[in-house]
Amino acid sequence: MPQFTTPPALLVLTTLPERAAAEALARELLAARLAACVHVGAPVRSLYHWRGQIETADETPLAIKTRAELYPQVEAAILASHPYELPEIVAVRISDALPGYLDWIAAETVADTR
């Protein structure tokens, strides 16, 4: 496994029911320096189990690149603006990546000072 000299990075995945809300969250995360980059994807059709039923919803996916140490703040920002009772928030540690890209994520985000 590679040894990175930069802080560990995460890819945080979530979805929102409306594109405008997804773009607003992306801009909020960027403005707060909680993300270096946010991909706002094309709408997808989600099918899922919810309360004993199979449900469907059109959603806009987000892929958020951030420092691992900022995850609690990213999660809180998603929860604060998310309309779902139980939103998808999945964080995947980036184990392999171009070192310069990881340096860029670190440079474009702020460390949690709390």
N, C-alpha and C. Protein backbone atom coordinates (compact mmCIF):
# COMPACT_ATOMS: atom_id res chain seq x y z
N MET A 1 0.85 -1.18 0.00
CA MET A 1 0.00 0.00 0.00
C MET A 1 0.89 1.23 0.00
N PRO A 2 0.56 2.23 -0.83
CA PRO A 2 1.40 3.42 -0.91
C PRO A 2 1.37 4.23 0.38
N GLN A 3 2.47 4.90 0.63
CA GLN A 3 2.57 5.79 1.78
C GLN A 3 2.43 7.22 1.29
N PHE A 4 1.35 7.91 1.68
CA PHE A 4 1.13 9.28 1.27
C PHE A 4 1.71 10.23 2.31
N THR A 5 2.26 11.34 1.84
CA THR A 5 2.76 12.36 2.75
C THR A 5 1.69 13.40 3.03
N THR A 6 0.63 13.40 2.26
CA THR A 6 -0.47 14.33 2.48
C THR A 6 -1.52 13.68 3.37
N PRO A 7 -2.41 14.48 3.96
CA PRO A 7 -3.46 13.91 4.81
C PRO A 7 -4.33 12.94 4.02
N PRO A 8 -4.88 11.92 4.67
CA PRO A 8 -5.77 10.98 3.98
C PRO A 8 -6.96 11.71 3.37
N ALA A 9 -7.36 11.27 2.21
CA ALA A 9 -8.48 11.89 1.49
C ALA A 9 -9.65 10.92 1.41
N LEU A 10 -10.84 11.50 1.24
CA LEU A 10 -12.07 10.72 1.12
C LEU A 10 -12.84 11.13 -0.12
N LEU A 11 -13.62 10.20 -0.62
CA LEU A 11 -14.64 10.46 -1.61
C LEU A 11 -15.96 10.24 -0.88
N VAL A 12 -16.74 11.29 -0.69
CA VAL A 12 -18.01 11.20 0.01
C VAL A 12 -19.13 11.24 -1.02
N LEU A 13 -20.00 10.25 -0.95
CA LEU A 13 -21.09 10.10 -1.91
C LEU A 13 -22.43 10.39 -1.23
N THR A 14 -23.27 11.13 -1.93
CA THR A 14 -24.63 11.37 -1.46
C THR A 14 -25.50 11.65 -2.66
N THR A 15 -26.80 11.73 -2.45
CA THR A 15 -27.74 12.10 -3.50
C THR A 15 -28.74 13.09 -2.92
N LEU A 16 -29.28 13.91 -3.79
CA LEU A 16 -30.34 14.84 -3.41
C LEU A 16 -31.46 14.73 -4.44
N PRO A 17 -32.70 15.02 -4.03
CA PRO A 17 -33.82 14.83 -4.95
C PRO A 17 -33.92 15.89 -6.04
N GLU A 18 -33.27 17.02 -5.89
CA GLU A 18 -33.35 18.09 -6.88
C GLU A 18 -31.97 18.59 -7.25
N ARG A 19 -31.75 18.84 -8.52
CA ARG A 19 -30.45 19.32 -8.99
C ARG A 19 -30.07 20.65 -8.35
N ALA A 20 -31.01 21.56 -8.21
CA ALA A 20 -30.70 22.87 -7.62
C ALA A 20 -30.18 22.71 -6.20
N ALA A 21 -30.77 21.81 -5.44
CA ALA A 21 -30.32 21.57 -4.07
C ALA A 21 -28.93 20.93 -4.07
N ALA A 22 -28.68 20.04 -5.02
CA ALA A 22 -27.36 19.39 -5.13
C ALA A 22 -26.29 20.43 -5.45
N GLU A 23 -26.58 21.32 -6.39
CA GLU A 23 -25.61 22.36 -6.74
C GLU A 23 -25.40 23.34 -5.60
N ALA A 24 -26.47 23.66 -4.87
CA ALA A 24 -26.34 24.56 -3.72
C ALA A 24 -25.45 23.94 -2.65
N LEU A 25 -25.63 22.65 -2.36
CA LEU A 25 -24.79 21.98 -1.39
C LEU A 25 -23.35 21.94 -1.86
N ALA A 26 -23.13 21.67 -3.13
CA ALA A 26 -21.77 21.64 -3.67
C ALA A 26 -21.10 22.99 -3.47
N ARG A 27 -21.79 24.07 -3.79
CA ARG A 27 -21.21 25.41 -3.63
C ARG A 27 -20.95 25.74 -2.16
N GLU A 28 -21.85 25.30 -1.28
CA GLU A 28 -21.67 25.53 0.16
C GLU A 28 -20.40 24.82 0.66
N LEU A 29 -20.22 23.58 0.26
CA LEU A 29 -19.03 22.83 0.69
C LEU A 29 -17.75 23.46 0.15
N LEU A 30 -17.79 23.92 -1.10
CA LEU A 30 -16.62 24.57 -1.69
C LEU A 30 -16.32 25.90 -1.01
N ALA A 31 -17.35 26.71 -0.78
CA ALA A 31 -17.16 28.02 -0.15
C ALA A 31 -16.58 27.89 1.25
N ALA A 32 -16.99 26.85 1.97
CA ALA A 32 -16.49 26.61 3.33
C ALA A 32 -15.14 25.91 3.33
N ARG A 33 -14.60 25.60 2.15
CA ARG A 33 -13.33 24.89 1.99
C ARG A 33 -13.38 23.49 2.61
N LEU A 34 -14.58 22.89 2.63
CA LEU A 34 -14.74 21.52 3.12
C LEU A 34 -14.56 20.51 2.00
N ALA A 35 -14.51 20.98 0.76
CA ALA A 35 -14.30 20.11 -0.39
C ALA A 35 -13.39 20.82 -1.38
N ALA A 36 -12.56 20.03 -2.04
CA ALA A 36 -11.71 20.57 -3.10
C ALA A 36 -12.46 20.56 -4.42
N CYS A 37 -13.35 19.59 -4.57
CA CYS A 37 -14.10 19.41 -5.82
C CYS A 37 -15.36 18.63 -5.50
N VAL A 38 -16.44 18.96 -6.18
CA VAL A 38 -17.68 18.20 -6.05
C VAL A 38 -18.21 17.94 -7.46
N HIS A 39 -18.37 16.68 -7.79
CA HIS A 39 -19.02 16.32 -9.05
C HIS A 39 -20.52 16.25 -8.81
N VAL A 40 -21.27 16.98 -9.61
CA VAL A 40 -22.73 16.90 -9.58
C VAL A 40 -23.11 16.09 -10.82
N GLY A 41 -23.62 14.90 -10.58
CA GLY A 41 -23.88 13.99 -11.68
C GLY A 41 -25.22 14.21 -12.35
N ALA A 42 -25.40 13.45 -13.41
CA ALA A 42 -26.68 13.45 -14.12
C ALA A 42 -27.72 12.75 -13.26
N PRO A 43 -28.97 13.12 -13.39
CA PRO A 43 -30.02 12.45 -12.60
C PRO A 43 -30.00 10.94 -12.82
N VAL A 44 -30.26 10.23 -11.74
CA VAL A 44 -30.34 8.77 -11.77
C VAL A 44 -31.68 8.34 -11.18
N ARG A 45 -32.12 7.15 -11.55
CA ARG A 45 -33.32 6.57 -10.95
C ARG A 45 -32.85 5.59 -9.89
N SER A 46 -33.21 5.85 -8.64
CA SER A 46 -32.86 4.96 -7.53
C SER A 46 -34.06 4.08 -7.19
N LEU A 47 -33.77 2.81 -6.98
CA LEU A 47 -34.77 1.87 -6.48
C LEU A 47 -34.23 1.31 -5.18
N TYR A 48 -35.05 1.29 -4.14
CA TYR A 48 -34.54 0.91 -2.82
C TYR A 48 -35.68 0.41 -1.93
N HIS A 49 -35.28 -0.36 -0.92
CA HIS A 49 -36.24 -0.79 0.10
C HIS A 49 -36.44 0.34 1.10
N TRP A 50 -37.70 0.62 1.44
CA TRP A 50 -37.99 1.61 2.48
C TRP A 50 -39.31 1.26 3.13
N ARG A 51 -39.23 0.92 4.41
CA ARG A 51 -40.40 0.61 5.22
C ARG A 51 -41.29 -0.46 4.58
N GLY A 52 -40.63 -1.55 4.17
CA GLY A 52 -41.36 -2.71 3.66
C GLY A 52 -41.80 -2.62 2.22
N GLN A 53 -41.44 -1.57 1.53
CA GLN A 53 -41.83 -1.39 0.14
C GLN A 53 -40.60 -1.18 -0.73
N ILE A 54 -40.74 -1.44 -2.00
CA ILE A 54 -39.70 -1.05 -2.96
C ILE A 54 -40.12 0.31 -3.52
N GLU A 55 -39.29 1.29 -3.29
CA GLU A 55 -39.57 2.66 -3.71
C GLU A 55 -38.68 3.05 -4.89
N THR A 56 -39.07 4.10 -5.59
CA THR A 56 -38.24 4.66 -6.65
C THR A 56 -38.19 6.17 -6.47
N ALA A 57 -37.07 6.76 -6.88
CA ALA A 57 -36.92 8.21 -6.81
C ALA A 57 -35.90 8.65 -7.84
N ASP A 58 -36.13 9.81 -8.43
CA ASP A 58 -35.12 10.44 -9.28
C ASP A 58 -34.24 11.29 -8.38
N GLU A 59 -32.93 11.09 -8.48
CA GLU A 59 -32.00 11.78 -7.60
C GLU A 59 -30.80 12.30 -8.39
N THR A 60 -30.12 13.29 -7.81
CA THR A 60 -28.90 13.83 -8.38
C THR A 60 -27.74 13.42 -7.48
N PRO A 61 -26.79 12.64 -8.00
CA PRO A 61 -25.66 12.19 -7.18
C PRO A 61 -24.58 13.26 -7.05
N LEU A 62 -23.93 13.25 -5.89
CA LEU A 62 -22.77 14.10 -5.63
C LEU A 62 -21.59 13.23 -5.24
N ALA A 63 -20.42 13.57 -5.75
CA ALA A 63 -19.16 12.92 -5.35
C ALA A 63 -18.25 14.04 -4.84
N ILE A 64 -17.98 14.01 -3.54
CA ILE A 64 -17.29 15.09 -2.85
C ILE A 64 -15.88 14.64 -2.49
N LYS A 65 -14.86 15.39 -2.93
CA LYS A 65 -13.48 15.08 -2.59
C LYS A 65 -13.03 15.98 -1.45
N THR A 66 -12.57 15.36 -0.36
CA THR A 66 -12.23 16.11 0.84
C THR A 66 -11.14 15.40 1.63
N ARG A 67 -10.68 16.03 2.68
CA ARG A 67 -9.76 15.40 3.63
C ARG A 67 -10.56 14.50 4.58
N ALA A 68 -9.97 13.41 4.99
CA ALA A 68 -10.65 12.50 5.92
C ALA A 68 -11.00 13.20 7.23
N GLU A 69 -10.13 14.07 7.69
CA GLU A 69 -10.37 14.74 8.97
C GLU A 69 -11.56 15.70 8.92
N LEU A 70 -12.00 16.08 7.73
CA LEU A 70 -13.13 16.99 7.59
C LEU A 70 -14.46 16.26 7.46
N TYR A 71 -14.43 14.93 7.47
CA TYR A 71 -15.67 14.17 7.29
C TYR A 71 -16.79 14.60 8.25
N PRO A 72 -16.54 14.77 9.54
CA PRO A 72 -17.66 15.16 10.43
C PRO A 72 -18.34 16.46 9.99
N GLN A 73 -17.57 17.42 9.51
CA GLN A 73 -18.14 18.69 9.06
C GLN A 73 -18.89 18.52 7.74
N VAL A 74 -18.36 17.70 6.85
CA VAL A 74 -19.05 17.44 5.58
C VAL A 74 -20.38 16.72 5.86
N GLU A 75 -20.33 15.73 6.72
CA GLU A 75 -21.56 15.01 7.08
C GLU A 75 -22.59 15.96 7.68
N ALA A 76 -22.16 16.82 8.59
CA ALA A 76 -23.08 17.78 9.22
C ALA A 76 -23.69 18.73 8.18
N ALA A 77 -22.89 19.18 7.22
CA ALA A 77 -23.40 20.08 6.18
C ALA A 77 -24.43 19.37 5.31
N ILE A 78 -24.19 18.11 5.00
CA ILE A 78 -25.16 17.34 4.20
C ILE A 78 -26.45 17.18 4.98
N LEU A 79 -26.34 16.77 6.24
CA LEU A 79 -27.54 16.55 7.06
C LEU A 79 -28.34 17.83 7.26
N ALA A 80 -27.65 18.97 7.38
CA ALA A 80 -28.33 20.24 7.63
C ALA A 80 -29.20 20.68 6.45
N SER A 81 -28.83 20.26 5.24
CA SER A 81 -29.59 20.72 4.07
C SER A 81 -30.36 19.60 3.37
N HIS A 82 -30.32 18.41 3.92
CA HIS A 82 -30.91 17.26 3.22
C HIS A 82 -32.36 17.06 3.64
N PRO A 83 -33.27 16.86 2.67
CA PRO A 83 -34.67 16.68 3.01
C PRO A 83 -35.06 15.26 3.45
N TYR A 84 -34.19 14.28 3.21
CA TYR A 84 -34.54 12.90 3.53
C TYR A 84 -34.41 12.61 5.02
N GLU A 85 -35.27 11.73 5.49
CA GLU A 85 -35.17 11.25 6.87
C GLU A 85 -33.86 10.48 7.09
N LEU A 86 -33.46 9.70 6.09
CA LEU A 86 -32.24 8.91 6.17
C LEU A 86 -31.48 9.03 4.85
N PRO A 87 -30.66 10.08 4.72
CA PRO A 87 -29.94 10.27 3.45
C PRO A 87 -28.77 9.31 3.30
N GLU A 88 -28.45 9.04 2.05
CA GLU A 88 -27.22 8.29 1.76
C GLU A 88 -26.04 9.23 2.01
N ILE A 89 -25.15 8.82 2.88
CA ILE A 89 -23.87 9.50 3.07
C ILE A 89 -22.85 8.39 3.26
N VAL A 90 -22.03 8.18 2.23
CA VAL A 90 -21.05 7.10 2.24
C VAL A 90 -19.68 7.71 1.98
N ALA A 91 -18.74 7.41 2.84
CA ALA A 91 -17.37 7.91 2.67
C ALA A 91 -16.45 6.74 2.33
N VAL A 92 -15.67 6.92 1.28
CA VAL A 92 -14.72 5.90 0.85
C VAL A 92 -13.33 6.50 0.91
N ARG A 93 -12.46 5.86 1.68
CA ARG A 93 -11.08 6.35 1.78
C ARG A 93 -10.39 6.14 0.44
N ILE A 94 -9.69 7.14 -0.01
CA ILE A 94 -8.93 7.05 -1.26
C ILE A 94 -7.59 6.41 -0.92
N SER A 95 -7.42 5.16 -1.35
CA SER A 95 -6.20 4.42 -1.01
C SER A 95 -5.13 4.54 -2.08
N ASP A 96 -5.53 4.74 -3.31
CA ASP A 96 -4.59 4.90 -4.42
C ASP A 96 -5.04 6.07 -5.25
N ALA A 97 -4.11 6.97 -5.53
CA ALA A 97 -4.43 8.14 -6.35
C ALA A 97 -3.13 8.80 -6.79
N LEU A 98 -3.24 9.63 -7.80
CA LEU A 98 -2.11 10.41 -8.23
C LEU A 98 -1.67 11.31 -7.08
N PRO A 99 -0.41 11.22 -6.62
CA PRO A 99 0.03 12.01 -5.46
C PRO A 99 -0.24 13.50 -5.60
N GLY A 100 -0.05 14.05 -6.78
CA GLY A 100 -0.31 15.47 -6.98
C GLY A 100 -1.77 15.82 -6.78
N TYR A 101 -2.67 14.89 -7.15
CA TYR A 101 -4.11 15.13 -6.95
C TYR A 101 -4.43 15.16 -5.46
N LEU A 102 -3.83 14.24 -4.70
CA LEU A 102 -4.05 14.24 -3.25
C LEU A 102 -3.50 15.51 -2.61
N ASP A 103 -2.35 15.97 -3.10
CA ASP A 103 -1.79 17.24 -2.60
C ASP A 103 -2.75 18.38 -2.88
N TRP A 104 -3.37 18.37 -4.06
CA TRP A 104 -4.32 19.42 -4.42
C TRP A 104 -5.54 19.40 -3.50
N ILE A 105 -6.08 18.22 -3.20
CA ILE A 105 -7.20 18.13 -2.26
C ILE A 105 -6.80 18.73 -0.93
N ALA A 106 -5.63 18.38 -0.43
CA ALA A 106 -5.17 18.90 0.85
C ALA A 106 -5.01 20.43 0.81
N ALA A 107 -4.47 20.94 -0.28
CA ALA A 107 -4.22 22.38 -0.39
C ALA A 107 -5.52 23.19 -0.50
N GLU A 108 -6.56 22.59 -1.09
CA GLU A 108 -7.79 23.32 -1.33
C GLU A 108 -8.84 23.18 -0.23
N THR A 109 -8.53 22.43 0.80
CA THR A 109 -9.45 22.26 1.93
C THR A 109 -8.75 22.76 3.18
N VAL A 110 -9.54 23.02 4.20
CA VAL A 110 -8.98 23.49 5.47
C VAL A 110 -9.03 22.38 6.50
N ALA A 111 -8.06 22.39 7.37
CA ALA A 111 -8.03 21.41 8.45
C ALA A 111 -9.07 21.79 9.50
N ASP A 112 -9.65 20.79 10.13
CA ASP A 112 -10.60 20.99 11.22
C ASP A 112 -9.83 21.51 12.42
N THR A 113 -10.16 22.70 12.90
CA THR A 113 -9.45 23.29 14.03
C THR A 113 -10.18 23.12 15.35
N ARG A 114 -11.26 22.35 15.33
CA ARG A 114 -12.01 22.15 16.59
C ARG A 114 -11.37 21.09 17.44
